[in-house]
Amino acid sequence: MDSIRSKIKRRLQRFIELDVNGLRSFILSKFLDTKEITVDELHTSITKKYDISRSAIASMVGYIYSKIGVLRSHKESYKTPIVYSLKEEYVDLIRNTLESRSTGSSC
């Protein structure tokens, strides 16, 4: 189990290293703040700070879900949007990675 956690930690660190404008960190912190969120809700909150399209947000959420592996998805029916949430076992890992990024980049 530890090897999977360490692989996810490396993926997460690489994902955040490429964060030039803070958008990736902002999206991850939104997932930390809210238990469950849809792409539309995420887009609404992100566009207050960043100028980005809904499809770009959906793409980034899809990447976090499929490649990093820290999100779970749920869909009530075919008519409702997909609801994303963080897997509880990775909340501390994401929080620590974001905190180390914020303290490390201020040097």
PDB file of N, CA and C in Angstrom:
ATOM      1  N   MET A   1       0.816  -1.203   0.000  1.00  0.00           N
ATOM      2  CA  MET A   1       0.000   0.000   0.000  1.00  0.00           C
ATOM      3  C   MET A   1       0.855   1.260   0.000  1.00  0.00           C
ATOM      4  N   ASP A   2       1.964   1.209   0.690  1.00  0.00           N
ATOM      5  CA  ASP A   2       2.847   2.372   0.743  1.00  0.00           C
ATOM      6  C   ASP A   2       3.406   2.726  -0.626  1.00  0.00           C
ATOM      7  N   SER A   3       3.670   1.703  -1.458  1.00  0.00           N
ATOM      8  CA  SER A   3       4.225   2.000  -2.777  1.00  0.00           C
ATOM      9  C   SER A   3       3.213   2.760  -3.639  1.00  0.00           C
ATOM     10  N   ILE A   4       1.938   2.440  -3.528  1.00  0.00           N
ATOM     11  CA  ILE A   4       0.906   3.171  -4.272  1.00  0.00           C
ATOM     12  C   ILE A   4       0.840   4.611  -3.783  1.00  0.00           C
ATOM     13  N   ARG A   5       0.896   4.782  -2.472  1.00  0.00           N
ATOM     14  CA  ARG A   5       0.860   6.128  -1.885  1.00  0.00           C
ATOM     15  C   ARG A   5       2.073   6.953  -2.332  1.00  0.00           C
ATOM     16  N   SER A   6       3.235   6.338  -2.389  1.00  0.00           N
ATOM     17  CA  SER A   6       4.423   7.081  -2.814  1.00  0.00           C
ATOM     18  C   SER A   6       4.362   7.423  -4.302  1.00  0.00           C
ATOM     19  N   LYS A   7       3.788   6.550  -5.116  1.00  0.00           N
ATOM     20  CA  LYS A   7       3.616   6.858  -6.542  1.00  0.00           C
ATOM     21  C   LYS A   7       2.653   8.033  -6.716  1.00  0.00           C
ATOM     22  N   ILE A   8       1.576   8.018  -5.958  1.00  0.00           N
ATOM     23  CA  ILE A   8       0.607   9.120  -6.038  1.00  0.00           C
ATOM     24  C   ILE A   8       1.242  10.418  -5.563  1.00  0.00           C
ATOM     25  N   LYS A   9       2.071  10.346  -4.533  1.00  0.00           N
ATOM     26  CA  LYS A   9       2.759  11.536  -4.038  1.00  0.00           C
ATOM     27  C   LYS A   9       3.673  12.114  -5.116  1.00  0.00           C
ATOM     28  N   ARG A  10       4.411  11.260  -5.819  1.00  0.00           N
ATOM     29  CA  ARG A  10       5.282  11.729  -6.908  1.00  0.00           C
ATOM     30  C   ARG A  10       4.468  12.357  -8.032  1.00  0.00           C
ATOM     31  N   ARG A  11       3.366  11.715  -8.404  1.00  0.00           N
ATOM     32  CA  ARG A  11       2.501  12.268  -9.455  1.00  0.00           C
ATOM     33  C   ARG A  11       1.951  13.632  -9.052  1.00  0.00           C
ATOM     34  N   LEU A  12       1.529  13.732  -7.814  1.00  0.00           N
ATOM     35  CA  LEU A  12       0.978  14.974  -7.293  1.00  0.00           C
ATOM     36  C   LEU A  12       2.039  16.078  -7.281  1.00  0.00           C
ATOM     37  N   GLN A  13       3.241  15.745  -6.861  1.00  0.00           N
ATOM     38  CA  GLN A  13       4.314  16.734  -6.834  1.00  0.00           C
ATOM     39  C   GLN A  13       4.655  17.219  -8.239  1.00  0.00           C
ATOM     40  N   ARG A  14       4.718  16.307  -9.211  1.00  0.00           N
ATOM     41  CA  ARG A  14       4.986  16.698 -10.598  1.00  0.00           C
ATOM     42  C   ARG A  14       3.874  17.581 -11.139  1.00  0.00           C
ATOM     43  N   PHE A  15       2.630  17.241 -10.812  1.00  0.00           N
ATOM     44  CA  PHE A  15       1.479  18.026 -11.253  1.00  0.00           C
ATOM     45  C   PHE A  15       1.566  19.452 -10.712  1.00  0.00           C
ATOM     46  N   ILE A  16       1.921  19.603  -9.462  1.00  0.00           N
ATOM     47  CA  ILE A  16       1.990  20.925  -8.848  1.00  0.00           C
ATOM     48  C   ILE A  16       3.242  21.686  -9.289  1.00  0.00           C
ATOM     49  N   GLU A  17       4.335  20.976  -9.593  1.00  0.00           N
ATOM     50  CA  GLU A  17       5.549  21.648 -10.082  1.00  0.00           C
ATOM     51  C   GLU A  17       5.282  22.410 -11.378  1.00  0.00           C
ATOM     52  N   LEU A  18       4.375  21.908 -12.193  1.00  0.00           N
ATOM     53  CA  LEU A  18       4.046  22.554 -13.463  1.00  0.00           C
ATOM     54  C   LEU A  18       3.009  23.662 -13.322  1.00  0.00           C
ATOM     55  N   ASP A  19       2.681  24.011 -12.106  1.00  0.00           N
ATOM     56  CA  ASP A  19       1.666  25.020 -11.817  1.00  0.00           C
ATOM     57  C   ASP A  19       2.284  26.410 -11.909  1.00  0.00           C
ATOM     58  N   VAL A  20       2.193  27.029 -13.084  1.00  0.00           N
ATOM     59  CA  VAL A  20       2.830  28.328 -13.285  1.00  0.00           C
ATOM     60  C   VAL A  20       2.007  29.495 -12.756  1.00  0.00           C
ATOM     61  N   ASN A  21       0.677  29.382 -12.809  1.00  0.00           N
ATOM     62  CA  ASN A  21      -0.165  30.514 -12.393  1.00  0.00           C
ATOM     63  C   ASN A  21      -0.987  30.240 -11.138  1.00  0.00           C
ATOM     64  N   GLY A  22      -0.801  29.100 -10.506  1.00  0.00           N
ATOM     65  CA  GLY A  22      -1.510  28.791  -9.273  1.00  0.00           C
ATOM     66  C   GLY A  22      -2.846  28.105  -9.461  1.00  0.00           C
ATOM     67  N   LEU A  23      -3.248  27.875 -10.706  1.00  0.00           N
ATOM     68  CA  LEU A  23      -4.554  27.273 -10.985  1.00  0.00           C
ATOM     69  C   LEU A  23      -4.650  25.840 -10.465  1.00  0.00           C
ATOM     70  N   ARG A  24      -3.628  25.046 -10.674  1.00  0.00           N
ATOM     71  CA  ARG A  24      -3.653  23.650 -10.224  1.00  0.00           C
ATOM     72  C   ARG A  24      -3.768  23.561  -8.709  1.00  0.00           C
ATOM     73  N   SER A  25      -3.006  24.369  -8.021  1.00  0.00           N
ATOM     74  CA  SER A  25      -3.081  24.390  -6.565  1.00  0.00           C
ATOM     75  C   SER A  25      -4.448  24.867  -6.097  1.00  0.00           C
ATOM     76  N   PHE A  26      -5.002  25.849  -6.810  1.00  0.00           N
ATOM     77  CA  PHE A  26      -6.317  26.380  -6.471  1.00  0.00           C
ATOM     78  C   PHE A  26      -7.392  25.301  -6.609  1.00  0.00           C
ATOM     79  N   ILE A  27      -7.328  24.519  -7.669  1.00  0.00           N
ATOM     80  CA  ILE A  27      -8.300  23.443  -7.886  1.00  0.00           C
ATOM     81  C   ILE A  27      -8.183  22.400  -6.781  1.00  0.00           C
ATOM     82  N   LEU A  28      -6.964  21.990  -6.458  1.00  0.00           N
ATOM     83  CA  LEU A  28      -6.777  21.005  -5.392  1.00  0.00           C
ATOM     84  C   LEU A  28      -7.252  21.544  -4.052  1.00  0.00           C
ATOM     85  N   SER A  29      -7.006  22.826  -3.788  1.00  0.00           N
ATOM     86  CA  SER A  29      -7.458  23.391  -2.520  1.00  0.00           C
ATOM     87  C   SER A  29      -8.983  23.490  -2.474  1.00  0.00           C
ATOM     88  N   LYS A  30      -9.627  23.693  -3.629  1.00  0.00           N
ATOM     89  CA  LYS A  30     -11.094  23.685  -3.679  1.00  0.00           C
ATOM     90  C   LYS A  30     -11.624  22.312  -3.293  1.00  0.00           C
ATOM     91  N   PHE A  31     -10.960  21.271  -3.764  1.00  0.00           N
ATOM     92  CA  PHE A  31     -11.368  19.918  -3.388  1.00  0.00           C
ATOM     93  C   PHE A  31     -11.148  19.677  -1.900  1.00  0.00           C
ATOM     94  N   LEU A  32     -10.124  20.273  -1.327  1.00  0.00           N
ATOM     95  CA  LEU A  32      -9.904  20.146   0.114  1.00  0.00           C
ATOM     96  C   LEU A  32     -10.989  20.868   0.900  1.00  0.00           C
ATOM     97  N   ASP A  33     -11.429  22.018   0.392  1.00  0.00           N
ATOM     98  CA  ASP A  33     -12.426  22.828   1.095  1.00  0.00           C
ATOM     99  C   ASP A  33     -13.839  22.259   1.016  1.00  0.00           C
ATOM    100  N   THR A  34     -14.171  21.652  -0.118  1.00  0.00           N
ATOM    101  CA  THR A  34     -15.522  21.130  -0.304  1.00  0.00           C
ATOM    102  C   THR A  34     -15.489  19.611  -0.323  1.00  0.00           C
ATOM    103  N   LYS A  35     -16.502  19.012   0.238  1.00  0.00           N
ATOM    104  CA  LYS A  35     -16.563  17.552   0.259  1.00  0.00           C
ATOM    105  C   LYS A  35     -16.832  16.999  -1.132  1.00  0.00           C
ATOM    106  N   GLU A  36     -17.805  17.571  -1.827  1.00  0.00           N
ATOM    107  CA  GLU A  36     -18.189  17.112  -3.162  1.00  0.00           C
ATOM    108  C   GLU A  36     -18.419  18.332  -4.042  1.00  0.00           C
ATOM    109  N   ILE A  37     -18.031  18.206  -5.332  1.00  0.00           N
ATOM    110  CA  ILE A  37     -18.203  19.329  -6.242  1.00  0.00           C
ATOM    111  C   ILE A  37     -18.322  18.818  -7.675  1.00  0.00           C
ATOM    112  N   THR A  38     -19.106  19.510  -8.473  1.00  0.00           N
ATOM    113  CA  THR A  38     -19.225  19.178  -9.894  1.00  0.00           C
ATOM    114  C   THR A  38     -18.296  20.101 -10.687  1.00  0.00           C
ATOM    115  N   VAL A  39     -18.091  19.772 -11.941  1.00  0.00           N
ATOM    116  CA  VAL A  39     -17.249  20.613 -12.795  1.00  0.00           C
ATOM    117  C   VAL A  39     -17.861  22.006 -12.932  1.00  0.00           C
ATOM    118  N   ASP A  40     -19.173  22.082 -13.067  1.00  0.00           N
ATOM    119  CA  ASP A  40     -19.832  23.391 -13.193  1.00  0.00           C
ATOM    120  C   ASP A  40     -19.641  24.248 -11.942  1.00  0.00           C
ATOM    121  N   GLU A  41     -19.786  23.647 -10.773  1.00  0.00           N
ATOM    122  CA  GLU A  41     -19.589  24.386  -9.521  1.00  0.00           C
ATOM    123  C   GLU A  41     -18.134  24.835  -9.384  1.00  0.00           C
ATOM    124  N   LEU A  42     -17.235  23.963  -9.764  1.00  0.00           N
ATOM    125  CA  LEU A  42     -15.807  24.292  -9.711  1.00  0.00           C
ATOM    126  C   LEU A  42     -15.492  25.428 -10.681  1.00  0.00           C
ATOM    127  N   HIS A  43     -16.052  25.362 -11.880  1.00  0.00           N
ATOM    128  CA  HIS A  43     -15.824  26.407 -12.877  1.00  0.00           C
ATOM    129  C   HIS A  43     -16.353  27.756 -12.390  1.00  0.00           C
ATOM    130  N   THR A  44     -17.525  27.743 -11.766  1.00  0.00           N
ATOM    131  CA  THR A  44     -18.107  28.981 -11.249  1.00  0.00           C
ATOM    132  C   THR A  44     -17.197  29.620 -10.207  1.00  0.00           C
ATOM    133  N   SER A  45     -16.637  28.822  -9.308  1.00  0.00           N
ATOM    134  CA  SER A  45     -15.788  29.391  -8.269  1.00  0.00           C
ATOM    135  C   SER A  45     -14.408  29.787  -8.803  1.00  0.00           C
ATOM    136  N   ILE A  46     -13.913  29.080  -9.794  1.00  0.00           N
ATOM    137  CA  ILE A  46     -12.578  29.381 -10.329  1.00  0.00           C
ATOM    138  C   ILE A  46     -12.592  30.627 -11.196  1.00  0.00           C
ATOM    139  N   THR A  47     -13.684  30.847 -11.943  1.00  0.00           N
ATOM    140  CA  THR A  47     -13.721  32.012 -12.840  1.00  0.00           C
ATOM    141  C   THR A  47     -13.770  33.334 -12.089  1.00  0.00           C
ATOM    142  N   LYS A  48     -13.986  33.296 -10.797  1.00  0.00           N
ATOM    143  CA  LYS A  48     -13.897  34.518  -9.999  1.00  0.00           C
ATOM    144  C   LYS A  48     -12.451  34.992  -9.885  1.00  0.00           C
ATOM    145  N   LYS A  49     -11.514  34.049 -10.018  1.00  0.00           N
ATOM    146  CA  LYS A  49     -10.105  34.371  -9.862  1.00  0.00           C
ATOM    147  C   LYS A  49      -9.301  34.206 -11.159  1.00  0.00           C
ATOM    148  N   TYR A  50      -9.692  33.246 -11.995  1.00  0.00           N
ATOM    149  CA  TYR A  50      -8.960  32.940 -13.227  1.00  0.00           C
ATOM    150  C   TYR A  50      -9.883  33.025 -14.433  1.00  0.00           C
ATOM    151  N   ASP A  51      -9.309  33.380 -15.569  1.00  0.00           N
ATOM    152  CA  ASP A  51     -10.056  33.385 -16.825  1.00  0.00           C
ATOM    153  C   ASP A  51      -9.780  32.064 -17.531  1.00  0.00           C
ATOM    154  N   ILE A  52     -10.699  31.118 -17.379  1.00  0.00           N
ATOM    155  CA  ILE A  52     -10.492  29.778 -17.919  1.00  0.00           C
ATOM    156  C   ILE A  52     -11.837  29.184 -18.332  1.00  0.00           C
ATOM    157  N   SER A  53     -11.802  28.378 -19.367  1.00  0.00           N
ATOM    158  CA  SER A  53     -13.042  27.792 -19.885  1.00  0.00           C
ATOM    159  C   SER A  53     -13.483  26.593 -19.054  1.00  0.00           C
ATOM    160  N   ARG A  54     -14.750  26.257 -19.197  1.00  0.00           N
ATOM    161  CA  ARG A  54     -15.309  25.103 -18.499  1.00  0.00           C
ATOM    162  C   ARG A  54     -14.638  23.821 -18.975  1.00  0.00           C
ATOM    163  N   SER A  55     -14.377  23.723 -20.276  1.00  0.00           N
ATOM    164  CA  SER A  55     -13.756  22.506 -20.808  1.00  0.00           C
ATOM    165  C   SER A  55     -12.326  22.329 -20.293  1.00  0.00           C
ATOM    166  N   ALA A  56     -11.624  23.420 -20.072  1.00  0.00           N
ATOM    167  CA  ALA A  56     -10.278  23.320 -19.507  1.00  0.00           C
ATOM    168  C   ALA A  56     -10.328  22.818 -18.067  1.00  0.00           C
ATOM    169  N   ILE A  57     -11.320  23.276 -17.306  1.00  0.00           N
ATOM    170  CA  ILE A  57     -11.509  22.793 -15.932  1.00  0.00           C
ATOM    171  C   ILE A  57     -11.866  21.313 -15.951  1.00  0.00           C
ATOM    172  N   ALA A  58     -12.795  20.934 -16.831  1.00  0.00           N
ATOM    173  CA  ALA A  58     -13.201  19.534 -16.938  1.00  0.00           C
ATOM    174  C   ALA A  58     -12.018  18.652 -17.309  1.00  0.00           C
ATOM    175  N   SER A  59     -11.179  19.140 -18.182  1.00  0.00           N
ATOM    176  CA  SER A  59      -9.986  18.394 -18.584  1.00  0.00           C
ATOM    177  C   SER A  59      -9.029  18.205 -17.415  1.00  0.00           C
ATOM    178  N   MET A  60      -8.824  19.258 -16.649  1.00  0.00           N
ATOM    179  CA  MET A  60      -7.919  19.172 -15.509  1.00  0.00           C
ATOM    180  C   MET A  60      -8.474  18.247 -14.424  1.00  0.00           C
ATOM    181  N   VAL A  61      -9.764  18.321 -14.171  1.00  0.00           N
ATOM    182  CA  VAL A  61     -10.387  17.424 -13.193  1.00  0.00           C
ATOM    183  C   VAL A  61     -10.269  15.982 -13.675  1.00  0.00           C
ATOM    184  N   GLY A  62     -10.472  15.759 -14.967  1.00  0.00           N
ATOM    185  CA  GLY A  62     -10.314  14.420 -15.534  1.00  0.00           C
ATOM    186  C   GLY A  62      -8.897  13.899 -15.380  1.00  0.00           C
ATOM    187  N   TYR A  63      -7.932  14.778 -15.559  1.00  0.00           N
ATOM    188  CA  TYR A  63      -6.530  14.386 -15.382  1.00  0.00           C
ATOM    189  C   TYR A  63      -6.254  14.018 -13.921  1.00  0.00           C
ATOM    190  N   ILE A  64      -6.723  14.837 -12.997  1.00  0.00           N
ATOM    191  CA  ILE A  64      -6.525  14.557 -11.571  1.00  0.00           C
ATOM    192  C   ILE A  64      -7.189  13.232 -11.195  1.00  0.00           C
ATOM    193  N   TYR A  65      -8.364  13.005 -11.757  1.00  0.00           N
ATOM    194  CA  TYR A  65      -9.119  11.769 -11.479  1.00  0.00           C
ATOM    195  C   TYR A  65      -8.399  10.538 -12.040  1.00  0.00           C
ATOM    196  N   SER A  66      -8.013  10.602 -13.308  1.00  0.00           N
ATOM    197  CA  SER A  66      -7.498   9.400 -13.961  1.00  0.00           C
ATOM    198  C   SER A  66      -5.999   9.185 -13.788  1.00  0.00           C
ATOM    199  N   LYS A  67      -5.212  10.220 -13.853  1.00  0.00           N
ATOM    200  CA  LYS A  67      -3.754  10.055 -13.827  1.00  0.00           C
ATOM    201  C   LYS A  67      -3.165  10.130 -12.428  1.00  0.00           C
ATOM    202  N   ILE A  68      -3.650  11.044 -11.614  1.00  0.00           N
ATOM    203  CA  ILE A  68      -3.112  11.167 -10.261  1.00  0.00           C
ATOM    204  C   ILE A  68      -3.804  10.170  -9.336  1.00  0.00           C
ATOM    205  N   GLY A  69      -5.107  10.034  -9.468  1.00  0.00           N
ATOM    206  CA  GLY A  69      -5.839   9.014  -8.732  1.00  0.00           C
ATOM    207  C   GLY A  69      -6.276   9.386  -7.331  1.00  0.00           C
ATOM    208  N   VAL A  70      -6.485  10.670  -7.068  1.00  0.00           N
ATOM    209  CA  VAL A  70      -6.880  11.089  -5.721  1.00  0.00           C
ATOM    210  C   VAL A  70      -8.362  11.448  -5.624  1.00  0.00           C
ATOM    211  N   LEU A  71      -9.091  11.370  -6.747  1.00  0.00           N
ATOM    212  CA  LEU A  71     -10.509  11.705  -6.751  1.00  0.00           C
ATOM    213  C   LEU A  71     -11.362  10.461  -6.957  1.00  0.00           C
ATOM    214  N   ARG A  72     -12.588  10.539  -6.462  1.00  0.00           N
ATOM    215  CA  ARG A  72     -13.595   9.533  -6.799  1.00  0.00           C
ATOM    216  C   ARG A  72     -14.748  10.277  -7.447  1.00  0.00           C
ATOM    217  N   SER A  73     -15.494   9.565  -8.267  1.00  0.00           N
ATOM    218  CA  SER A  73     -16.628  10.192  -8.943  1.00  0.00           C
ATOM    219  C   SER A  73     -17.896   9.404  -8.656  1.00  0.00           C
ATOM    220  N   HIS A  74     -19.010  10.116  -8.721  1.00  0.00           N
ATOM    221  CA  HIS A  74     -20.302   9.507  -8.453  1.00  0.00           C
ATOM    222  C   HIS A  74     -21.344  10.191  -9.320  1.00  0.00           C
ATOM    223  N   LYS A  75     -22.246   9.390  -9.869  1.00  0.00           N
ATOM    224  CA  LYS A  75     -23.308   9.930 -10.713  1.00  0.00           C
ATOM    225  C   LYS A  75     -24.607   9.255 -10.312  1.00  0.00           C
ATOM    226  N   GLU A  76     -25.580  10.048  -9.856  1.00  0.00           N
ATOM    227  CA  GLU A  76     -26.867   9.528  -9.399  1.00  0.00           C
ATOM    228  C   GLU A  76     -27.635   8.846 -10.530  1.00  0.00           C
ATOM    229  N   SER A  77     -27.777   9.545 -11.648  1.00  0.00           N
ATOM    230  CA  SER A  77     -28.474   9.001 -12.801  1.00  0.00           C
ATOM    231  C   SER A  77     -27.864   9.597 -14.059  1.00  0.00           C
ATOM    232  N   TYR A  78     -28.328   9.145 -15.189  1.00  0.00           N
ATOM    233  CA  TYR A  78     -27.764   9.649 -16.435  1.00  0.00           C
ATOM    234  C   TYR A  78     -28.094  11.123 -16.668  1.00  0.00           C
ATOM    235  N   LYS A  79     -29.055  11.676 -15.940  1.00  0.00           N
ATOM    236  CA  LYS A  79     -29.447  13.073 -16.102  1.00  0.00           C
ATOM    237  C   LYS A  79     -28.646  14.024 -15.220  1.00  0.00           C
ATOM    238  N   THR A  80     -28.020  13.523 -14.192  1.00  0.00           N
ATOM    239  CA  THR A  80     -27.308  14.389 -13.251  1.00  0.00           C
ATOM    240  C   THR A  80     -25.831  14.471 -13.604  1.00  0.00           C
ATOM    241  N   PRO A  81     -25.178  15.574 -13.228  1.00  0.00           N
ATOM    242  CA  PRO A  81     -23.738  15.690 -13.506  1.00  0.00           C
ATOM    243  C   PRO A  81     -22.916  14.803 -12.569  1.00  0.00           C
ATOM    244  N   ILE A  82     -21.713  14.527 -12.990  1.00  0.00           N
ATOM    245  CA  ILE A  82     -20.792  13.737 -12.166  1.00  0.00           C
ATOM    246  C   ILE A  82     -20.334  14.597 -10.991  1.00  0.00           C
ATOM    247  N   VAL A  83     -20.364  14.011  -9.808  1.00  0.00           N
ATOM    248  CA  VAL A  83     -19.911  14.689  -8.594  1.00  0.00           C
ATOM    249  C   VAL A  83     -18.565  14.091  -8.215  1.00  0.00           C
ATOM    250  N   TYR A  84     -17.566  14.952  -8.053  1.00  0.00           N
ATOM    251  CA  TYR A  84     -16.215  14.513  -7.694  1.00  0.00           C
ATOM    252  C   TYR A  84     -15.944  14.821  -6.231  1.00  0.00           C
ATOM    253  N   SER A  85     -15.177  13.947  -5.591  1.00  0.00           N
ATOM    254  CA  SER A  85     -14.744  14.184  -4.214  1.00  0.00           C
ATOM    255  C   SER A  85     -13.366  13.581  -4.022  1.00  0.00           C
ATOM    256  N   LEU A  86     -12.651  14.098  -3.030  1.00  0.00           N
ATOM    257  CA  LEU A  86     -11.324  13.561  -2.720  1.00  0.00           C
ATOM    258  C   LEU A  86     -11.458  12.239  -1.991  1.00  0.00           C
ATOM    259  N   LYS A  87     -10.556  11.333  -2.296  1.00  0.00           N
ATOM    260  CA  LYS A  87     -10.487  10.098  -1.523  1.00  0.00           C
ATOM    261  C   LYS A  87      -9.888  10.459  -0.172  1.00  0.00           C
ATOM    262  N   GLU A  88     -10.543  10.054   0.891  1.00  0.00           N
ATOM    263  CA  GLU A  88     -10.144  10.433   2.249  1.00  0.00           C
ATOM    264  C   GLU A  88      -8.693  10.068   2.567  1.00  0.00           C
ATOM    265  N   GLU A  89      -8.221   8.965   2.028  1.00  0.00           N
ATOM    266  CA  GLU A  89      -6.866   8.515   2.360  1.00  0.00           C
ATOM    267  C   GLU A  89      -5.774   9.404   1.775  1.00  0.00           C
ATOM    268  N   TYR A  90      -6.149  10.344   0.868  1.00  0.00           N
ATOM    269  CA  TYR A  90      -5.147  11.223   0.263  1.00  0.00           C
ATOM    270  C   TYR A  90      -5.300  12.688   0.663  1.00  0.00           C
ATOM    271  N   VAL A  91      -6.227  13.001   1.544  1.00  0.00           N
ATOM    272  CA  VAL A  91      -6.448  14.393   1.960  1.00  0.00           C
ATOM    273  C   VAL A  91      -5.191  14.958   2.616  1.00  0.00           C
ATOM    274  N   ASP A  92      -4.596  14.215   3.532  1.00  0.00           N
ATOM    275  CA  ASP A  92      -3.382  14.689   4.209  1.00  0.00           C
ATOM    276  C   ASP A  92      -2.222  14.841   3.233  1.00  0.00           C
ATOM    277  N   LEU A  93      -2.112  13.945   2.272  1.00  0.00           N
ATOM    278  CA  LEU A  93      -1.048  14.004   1.278  1.00  0.00           C
ATOM    279  C   LEU A  93      -1.174  15.267   0.423  1.00  0.00           C
ATOM    280  N   ILE A  94      -2.371  15.574  -0.007  1.00  0.00           N
ATOM    281  CA  ILE A  94      -2.602  16.776  -0.818  1.00  0.00           C
ATOM    282  C   ILE A  94      -2.352  18.023   0.003  1.00  0.00           C
ATOM    283  N   ARG A  95      -2.855  18.042   1.227  1.00  0.00           N
ATOM    284  CA  ARG A  95      -2.655  19.203   2.090  1.00  0.00           C
ATOM    285  C   ARG A  95      -1.165  19.453   2.331  1.00  0.00           C
ATOM    286  N   ASN A  96      -0.412  18.405   2.640  1.00  0.00           N
ATOM    287  CA  ASN A  96       1.028  18.546   2.884  1.00  0.00           C
ATOM    288  C   ASN A  96       1.771  18.995   1.629  1.00  0.00           C
ATOM    289  N   THR A  97       1.397  18.467   0.488  1.00  0.00           N
ATOM    290  CA  THR A  97       2.052  18.847  -0.767  1.00  0.00           C
ATOM    291  C   THR A  97       1.776  20.307  -1.099  1.00  0.00           C
ATOM    292  N   LEU A  98       0.542  20.739  -0.904  1.00  0.00           N
ATOM    293  CA  LEU A  98       0.209  22.150  -1.170  1.00  0.00           C
ATOM    294  C   LEU A  98       0.909  23.073  -0.180  1.00  0.00           C
ATOM    295  N   GLU A  99       0.987  22.678   1.084  1.00  0.00           N
ATOM    296  CA  GLU A  99       1.670  23.510   2.078  1.00  0.00           C
ATOM    297  C   GLU A  99       3.164  23.597   1.805  1.00  0.00           C
ATOM    298  N   SER A 100       3.781  22.492   1.409  1.00  0.00           N
ATOM    299  CA  SER A 100       5.212  22.527   1.109  1.00  0.00           C
ATOM    300  C   SER A 100       5.474  23.345  -0.147  1.00  0.00           C
ATOM    301  N   ARG A 101       4.544  23.355  -1.073  1.00  0.00           N
ATOM    302  CA  ARG A 101       4.664  24.163  -2.282  1.00  0.00           C
ATOM    303  C   ARG A 101       4.608  25.647  -1.930  1.00  0.00           C
ATOM    304  N   SER A 102       3.675  26.021  -1.068  1.00  0.00           N
ATOM    305  CA  SER A 102       3.522  27.437  -0.719  1.00  0.00           C
ATOM    306  C   SER A 102       4.692  27.949   0.110  1.00  0.00           C
ATOM    307  N   THR A 103       5.229  27.125   0.996  1.00  0.00           N
ATOM    308  CA  THR A 103       6.380  27.566   1.784  1.00  0.00           C
ATOM    309  C   THR A 103       7.669  27.491   0.977  1.00  0.00           C
ATOM    310  N   GLY A 104       7.743  26.525   0.078  1.00  0.00           N
ATOM    311  CA  GLY A 104       8.958  26.364  -0.731  1.00  0.00           C
ATOM    312  C   GLY A 104       9.087  27.410  -1.814  1.00  0.00           C
ATOM    313  N   SER A 105       7.977  27.892  -2.373  1.00  0.00           N
ATOM    314  CA  SER A 105       8.048  28.854  -3.471  1.00  0.00           C
ATOM    315  C   SER A 105       8.249  30.282  -2.987  1.00  0.00           C
ATOM    316  N   SER A 106       8.102  30.518  -1.710  1.00  0.00           N
ATOM    317  CA  SER A 106       8.262  31.886  -1.201  1.00  0.00           C
ATOM    318  C   SER A 106       9.715  32.231  -0.911  1.00  0.00           C
ATOM    319  N   CYS A 107      10.631  31.301  -1.087  1.00  0.00           N
ATOM    320  CA  CYS A 107      12.055  31.547  -0.817  1.00  0.00           C
ATOM    321  C   CYS A 107      12.690  32.398  -1.879  1.00  0.00           C
TER     322      CYS A 107
END
